[in-house]
Amino acid sequence: MPSELPVHSRSTGLVDVLDRVLDKGLVIAGDIKVSLAEVELLTIRIRLLVCSLDKAQEIGLDWWRYDRSLSPGAPSAEDRALRREIRALEQKVEALAAATGMPKAAPRRVRRRK
């Protein structure tokens, strides 16, 4: 009679494998090429990286921190730089308006992107 492994040891083995993959990382790469009469029409490059967030940050792949669609509440570095530049330009316009005696412009309302 064949001996069967207990169910818990199988799941533990799967957890160990998953833990190792997330810790070390796993890369799957491939290309799909569509050709007609030996003329390449389309090439699709597929690169898949499976790892933990800690490992991704360790190797410098932390793009999700700066992608507004993934973290809409946090302004990106580019947004902050643009807002500083807008404030500096507004101050210059106010200074020019004051120097020429023009009335001060009404404050603008800032609309936030969703």
N, C-alpha and C. Protein backbone atom coordinates (compact mmCIF):
# COMPACT_ATOMS: atom_id res chain seq x y z
N MET A 1 0.85 -1.17 0.00
CA MET A 1 0.00 0.00 0.00
C MET A 1 0.90 1.24 0.00
N PRO A 2 0.70 2.15 -1.02
CA PRO A 2 1.56 3.33 -1.09
C PRO A 2 1.26 4.29 0.06
N SER A 3 2.32 4.85 0.58
CA SER A 3 2.12 5.82 1.67
C SER A 3 1.87 7.19 1.07
N GLU A 4 0.89 7.86 1.61
CA GLU A 4 0.54 9.20 1.14
C GLU A 4 1.03 10.23 2.14
N LEU A 5 1.47 11.35 1.61
CA LEU A 5 1.92 12.42 2.49
C LEU A 5 0.71 13.09 3.12
N PRO A 6 0.83 13.47 4.36
CA PRO A 6 -0.28 14.20 4.97
C PRO A 6 -0.49 15.53 4.25
N VAL A 7 -1.73 15.99 4.26
CA VAL A 7 -2.11 17.21 3.56
C VAL A 7 -1.32 18.41 4.08
N HIS A 8 -1.10 18.49 5.38
CA HIS A 8 -0.41 19.65 5.94
C HIS A 8 1.04 19.74 5.46
N SER A 9 1.70 18.63 5.22
CA SER A 9 3.09 18.71 4.75
C SER A 9 3.14 19.19 3.30
N ARG A 10 2.13 18.85 2.49
CA ARG A 10 2.09 19.36 1.12
C ARG A 10 1.93 20.88 1.12
N SER A 11 1.00 21.37 1.95
CA SER A 11 0.79 22.82 2.00
C SER A 11 2.01 23.51 2.59
N THR A 12 2.67 22.89 3.54
CA THR A 12 3.89 23.46 4.10
C THR A 12 4.96 23.53 3.03
N GLY A 13 5.07 22.49 2.20
CA GLY A 13 6.03 22.50 1.10
C GLY A 13 5.73 23.62 0.12
N LEU A 14 4.47 23.84 -0.18
CA LEU A 14 4.08 24.91 -1.09
C LEU A 14 4.40 26.27 -0.48
N VAL A 15 4.16 26.42 0.81
CA VAL A 15 4.47 27.66 1.50
C VAL A 15 5.97 27.91 1.47
N ASP A 16 6.76 26.87 1.67
CA ASP A 16 8.22 27.01 1.62
C ASP A 16 8.69 27.44 0.23
N VAL A 17 8.13 26.83 -0.81
CA VAL A 17 8.49 27.18 -2.17
C VAL A 17 8.10 28.63 -2.46
N LEU A 18 6.89 29.01 -2.08
CA LEU A 18 6.43 30.39 -2.29
C LEU A 18 7.31 31.38 -1.52
N ASP A 19 7.66 31.05 -0.30
CA ASP A 19 8.52 31.90 0.50
C ASP A 19 9.88 32.08 -0.16
N ARG A 20 10.43 30.99 -0.68
CA ARG A 20 11.74 31.08 -1.34
C ARG A 20 11.65 31.91 -2.63
N VAL A 21 10.58 31.73 -3.40
CA VAL A 21 10.42 32.50 -4.64
C VAL A 21 10.30 33.99 -4.33
N LEU A 22 9.50 34.33 -3.33
CA LEU A 22 9.33 35.74 -2.97
C LEU A 22 10.61 36.33 -2.39
N ASP A 23 11.39 35.52 -1.68
CA ASP A 23 12.63 36.01 -1.08
C ASP A 23 13.72 36.19 -2.14
N LYS A 24 13.90 35.23 -3.00
CA LYS A 24 14.97 35.28 -4.00
C LYS A 24 14.52 35.97 -5.28
N GLY A 25 13.26 35.78 -5.66
CA GLY A 25 12.75 36.35 -6.91
C GLY A 25 12.73 35.29 -8.01
N LEU A 26 11.87 35.51 -8.96
CA LEU A 26 11.73 34.61 -10.10
C LEU A 26 11.48 35.47 -11.32
N VAL A 27 12.25 35.25 -12.37
CA VAL A 27 12.10 36.01 -13.60
C VAL A 27 11.68 35.07 -14.70
N ILE A 28 10.64 35.47 -15.42
CA ILE A 28 10.18 34.73 -16.59
C ILE A 28 10.24 35.70 -17.76
N ALA A 29 10.94 35.31 -18.80
CA ALA A 29 11.12 36.20 -19.95
C ALA A 29 10.79 35.44 -21.23
N GLY A 30 10.21 36.16 -22.18
CA GLY A 30 9.90 35.54 -23.45
C GLY A 30 9.54 36.57 -24.49
N ASP A 31 9.62 36.18 -25.73
CA ASP A 31 9.26 37.04 -26.85
C ASP A 31 8.24 36.32 -27.71
N ILE A 32 7.28 37.09 -28.19
CA ILE A 32 6.29 36.57 -29.14
C ILE A 32 6.46 37.37 -30.41
N LYS A 33 6.70 36.69 -31.51
CA LYS A 33 6.88 37.38 -32.79
C LYS A 33 5.84 36.88 -33.77
N VAL A 34 5.21 37.82 -34.46
CA VAL A 34 4.22 37.50 -35.49
C VAL A 34 4.81 37.92 -36.83
N SER A 35 4.93 36.95 -37.72
CA SER A 35 5.52 37.22 -39.04
C SER A 35 4.58 36.73 -40.12
N LEU A 36 4.65 37.38 -41.26
CA LEU A 36 3.88 36.97 -42.44
C LEU A 36 4.83 37.01 -43.62
N ALA A 37 5.01 35.88 -44.28
CA ALA A 37 5.91 35.77 -45.42
C ALA A 37 7.31 36.27 -45.06
N GLU A 38 7.79 35.82 -43.90
CA GLU A 38 9.11 36.16 -43.39
C GLU A 38 9.32 37.65 -43.12
N VAL A 39 8.22 38.39 -42.97
CA VAL A 39 8.28 39.80 -42.60
C VAL A 39 7.69 39.91 -41.19
N GLU A 40 8.53 40.38 -40.28
CA GLU A 40 8.08 40.50 -38.90
C GLU A 40 7.10 41.65 -38.77
N LEU A 41 5.88 41.34 -38.32
CA LEU A 41 4.84 42.36 -38.18
C LEU A 41 4.72 42.90 -36.77
N LEU A 42 4.98 42.03 -35.80
CA LEU A 42 4.74 42.41 -34.41
C LEU A 42 5.67 41.62 -33.50
N THR A 43 6.25 42.31 -32.54
CA THR A 43 7.05 41.65 -31.51
C THR A 43 6.55 42.09 -30.15
N ILE A 44 6.27 41.15 -29.30
CA ILE A 44 5.84 41.44 -27.93
C ILE A 44 6.88 40.83 -27.00
N ARG A 45 7.46 41.68 -26.17
CA ARG A 45 8.45 41.21 -25.19
C ARG A 45 7.75 41.12 -23.84
N ILE A 46 7.85 39.97 -23.25
CA ILE A 46 7.21 39.74 -21.96
C ILE A 46 8.29 39.48 -20.92
N ARG A 47 8.25 40.27 -19.86
CA ARG A 47 9.17 40.10 -18.74
C ARG A 47 8.33 40.10 -17.47
N LEU A 48 8.44 39.06 -16.71
CA LEU A 48 7.66 38.93 -15.49
C LEU A 48 8.62 38.69 -14.33
N LEU A 49 8.50 39.51 -13.31
CA LEU A 49 9.32 39.37 -12.12
C LEU A 49 8.38 39.10 -10.95
N VAL A 50 8.61 38.02 -10.26
CA VAL A 50 7.81 37.67 -9.09
C VAL A 50 8.74 37.70 -7.89
N CYS A 51 8.46 38.62 -6.96
CA CYS A 51 9.26 38.70 -5.74
C CYS A 51 8.47 39.50 -4.70
N SER A 52 9.00 39.56 -3.50
CA SER A 52 8.35 40.33 -2.45
C SER A 52 8.61 41.82 -2.67
N LEU A 53 7.82 42.66 -2.04
CA LEU A 53 8.02 44.11 -2.14
C LEU A 53 9.38 44.50 -1.57
N ASP A 54 9.80 43.87 -0.50
CA ASP A 54 11.10 44.17 0.08
C ASP A 54 12.22 43.87 -0.91
N LYS A 55 12.13 42.73 -1.57
CA LYS A 55 13.15 42.35 -2.56
C LYS A 55 13.13 43.32 -3.74
N ALA A 56 11.94 43.70 -4.19
CA ALA A 56 11.83 44.64 -5.31
C ALA A 56 12.47 45.97 -4.95
N GLN A 57 12.24 46.47 -3.75
CA GLN A 57 12.86 47.72 -3.32
C GLN A 57 14.37 47.56 -3.22
N GLU A 58 14.80 46.41 -2.75
CA GLU A 58 16.24 46.14 -2.61
C GLU A 58 16.96 46.20 -3.96
N ILE A 59 16.30 45.74 -5.02
CA ILE A 59 16.94 45.75 -6.34
C ILE A 59 16.56 46.98 -7.16
N GLY A 60 15.85 47.93 -6.53
CA GLY A 60 15.58 49.20 -7.19
C GLY A 60 14.34 49.23 -8.06
N LEU A 61 13.43 48.31 -7.88
CA LEU A 61 12.18 48.30 -8.65
C LEU A 61 11.02 48.73 -7.76
N ASP A 62 10.99 50.01 -7.41
CA ASP A 62 9.92 50.51 -6.55
C ASP A 62 9.06 51.53 -7.29
N TRP A 63 8.74 51.23 -8.54
CA TRP A 63 7.96 52.14 -9.38
C TRP A 63 6.56 52.37 -8.85
N TRP A 64 6.02 51.45 -8.12
CA TRP A 64 4.64 51.61 -7.62
C TRP A 64 4.54 52.78 -6.65
N ARG A 65 5.65 53.18 -6.04
CA ARG A 65 5.62 54.32 -5.13
C ARG A 65 5.32 55.62 -5.86
N TYR A 66 5.70 55.69 -7.13
CA TYR A 66 5.59 56.93 -7.89
C TYR A 66 4.48 56.89 -8.93
N ASP A 67 3.73 55.82 -9.01
CA ASP A 67 2.65 55.68 -9.97
C ASP A 67 1.36 56.16 -9.32
N ARG A 68 0.83 57.30 -9.81
CA ARG A 68 -0.36 57.90 -9.18
C ARG A 68 -1.57 56.99 -9.25
N SER A 69 -1.65 56.13 -10.23
CA SER A 69 -2.81 55.24 -10.31
C SER A 69 -2.76 54.19 -9.21
N LEU A 70 -1.59 53.91 -8.67
CA LEU A 70 -1.47 52.93 -7.59
C LEU A 70 -1.48 53.57 -6.21
N SER A 71 -1.10 54.84 -6.12
CA SER A 71 -1.14 55.55 -4.84
C SER A 71 -1.68 56.95 -5.06
N PRO A 72 -3.00 57.06 -5.33
CA PRO A 72 -3.58 58.35 -5.69
C PRO A 72 -3.52 59.40 -4.59
N GLY A 73 -3.37 59.01 -3.35
CA GLY A 73 -3.36 59.98 -2.27
C GLY A 73 -2.04 60.72 -2.13
N ALA A 74 -0.97 60.11 -2.60
CA ALA A 74 0.35 60.71 -2.43
C ALA A 74 0.80 61.40 -3.71
N PRO A 75 1.12 62.71 -3.63
CA PRO A 75 1.60 63.40 -4.83
C PRO A 75 2.99 62.90 -5.21
N SER A 76 3.22 62.79 -6.49
CA SER A 76 4.53 62.33 -6.95
C SER A 76 5.56 63.44 -6.81
N ALA A 77 6.81 63.08 -6.95
CA ALA A 77 7.90 64.07 -6.87
C ALA A 77 7.74 65.09 -7.99
N GLU A 78 7.30 64.65 -9.15
CA GLU A 78 7.10 65.55 -10.27
C GLU A 78 5.98 66.55 -9.96
N ASP A 79 4.89 66.07 -9.35
CA ASP A 79 3.79 66.96 -8.98
C ASP A 79 4.25 68.02 -7.98
N ARG A 80 5.03 67.60 -7.00
CA ARG A 80 5.53 68.56 -6.00
C ARG A 80 6.43 69.61 -6.65
N ALA A 81 7.28 69.17 -7.58
CA ALA A 81 8.18 70.11 -8.26
C ALA A 81 7.38 71.09 -9.11
N LEU A 82 6.34 70.59 -9.79
CA LEU A 82 5.51 71.48 -10.62
C LEU A 82 4.76 72.48 -9.75
N ARG A 83 4.27 72.05 -8.61
CA ARG A 83 3.56 72.98 -7.71
C ARG A 83 4.50 74.07 -7.19
N ARG A 84 5.76 73.71 -6.85
CA ARG A 84 6.74 74.72 -6.43
C ARG A 84 7.00 75.72 -7.55
N GLU A 85 7.13 75.21 -8.77
CA GLU A 85 7.38 76.08 -9.91
C GLU A 85 6.20 77.03 -10.16
N ILE A 86 4.99 76.52 -10.02
CA ILE A 86 3.80 77.36 -10.20
C ILE A 86 3.78 78.46 -9.14
N ARG A 87 4.07 78.11 -7.88
CA ARG A 87 4.10 79.12 -6.81
C ARG A 87 5.15 80.20 -7.10
N ALA A 88 6.33 79.79 -7.58
CA ALA A 88 7.38 80.76 -7.89
C ALA A 88 6.93 81.68 -9.02
N LEU A 89 6.28 81.12 -10.04
CA LEU A 89 5.80 81.95 -11.16
C LEU A 89 4.70 82.91 -10.69
N GLU A 90 3.81 82.43 -9.82
CA GLU A 90 2.76 83.30 -9.30
C GLU A 90 3.35 84.46 -8.51
N GLN A 91 4.40 84.20 -7.74
CA GLN A 91 5.05 85.27 -6.98
C GLN A 91 5.69 86.29 -7.91
N LYS A 92 6.29 85.82 -9.01
CA LYS A 92 6.89 86.74 -9.98
C LYS A 92 5.82 87.60 -10.65
N VAL A 93 4.68 87.00 -10.98
CA VAL A 93 3.59 87.76 -11.60
C VAL A 93 3.08 88.81 -10.62
N GLU A 94 2.91 88.44 -9.35
CA GLU A 94 2.45 89.40 -8.34
C GLU A 94 3.45 90.55 -8.19
N ALA A 95 4.74 90.23 -8.20
CA ALA A 95 5.76 91.28 -8.07
C ALA A 95 5.72 92.21 -9.27
N LEU A 96 5.56 91.66 -10.47
CA LEU A 96 5.47 92.50 -11.67
C LEU A 96 4.21 93.36 -11.65
N ALA A 97 3.10 92.77 -11.20
CA ALA A 97 1.85 93.52 -11.12
C ALA A 97 1.97 94.66 -10.11
N ALA A 98 2.62 94.40 -8.99
CA ALA A 98 2.80 95.44 -7.97
C ALA A 98 3.72 96.55 -8.49
N ALA A 99 4.74 96.17 -9.25
CA ALA A 99 5.69 97.17 -9.76
C ALA A 99 5.05 98.07 -10.82
N THR A 100 4.10 97.53 -11.58
CA THR A 100 3.45 98.32 -12.64
C THR A 100 2.15 98.95 -12.18
N GLY A 101 1.72 98.66 -10.95
CA GLY A 101 0.50 99.26 -10.42
C GLY A 101 -0.77 98.55 -10.87
N MET A 102 -0.65 97.36 -11.42
CA MET A 102 -1.85 96.62 -11.84
C MET A 102 -2.51 96.00 -10.61
N PRO A 103 -3.84 95.83 -10.67
CA PRO A 103 -4.51 95.21 -9.52
C PRO A 103 -4.10 93.75 -9.37
N LYS A 104 -4.14 93.30 -8.13
CA LYS A 104 -3.77 91.92 -7.84
C LYS A 104 -4.82 90.97 -8.40
N ALA A 105 -4.38 89.88 -9.01
CA ALA A 105 -5.30 88.90 -9.59
C ALA A 105 -6.00 88.14 -8.47
N ALA A 106 -7.21 87.71 -8.78
CA ALA A 106 -7.97 86.91 -7.81
C ALA A 106 -7.28 85.56 -7.63
N PRO A 107 -7.29 85.04 -6.42
CA PRO A 107 -6.63 83.74 -6.21
C PRO A 107 -7.33 82.67 -7.04
N ARG A 108 -6.54 81.79 -7.60
CA ARG A 108 -7.11 80.72 -8.42
C ARG A 108 -7.44 79.53 -7.55
N ARG A 109 -8.39 78.78 -8.00
CA ARG A 109 -8.80 77.59 -7.28
C ARG A 109 -8.08 76.40 -7.89
N VAL A 110 -7.40 75.63 -7.06
CA VAL A 110 -6.63 74.47 -7.53
C VAL A 110 -7.54 73.26 -7.52
N ARG A 111 -7.64 72.61 -8.68
CA ARG A 111 -8.42 71.37 -8.77
C ARG A 111 -7.48 70.20 -8.66
N ARG A 112 -7.83 69.29 -7.81
CA ARG A 112 -7.02 68.09 -7.62
C ARG A 112 -7.48 67.01 -8.58
N ARG A 113 -6.48 66.30 -9.16
CA ARG A 113 -6.82 65.16 -10.04
C ARG A 113 -7.25 63.99 -9.19
N LYS A 114 -8.15 63.22 -9.73
CA LYS A 114 -8.61 62.03 -9.02
C LYS A 114 -7.93 60.81 -9.54
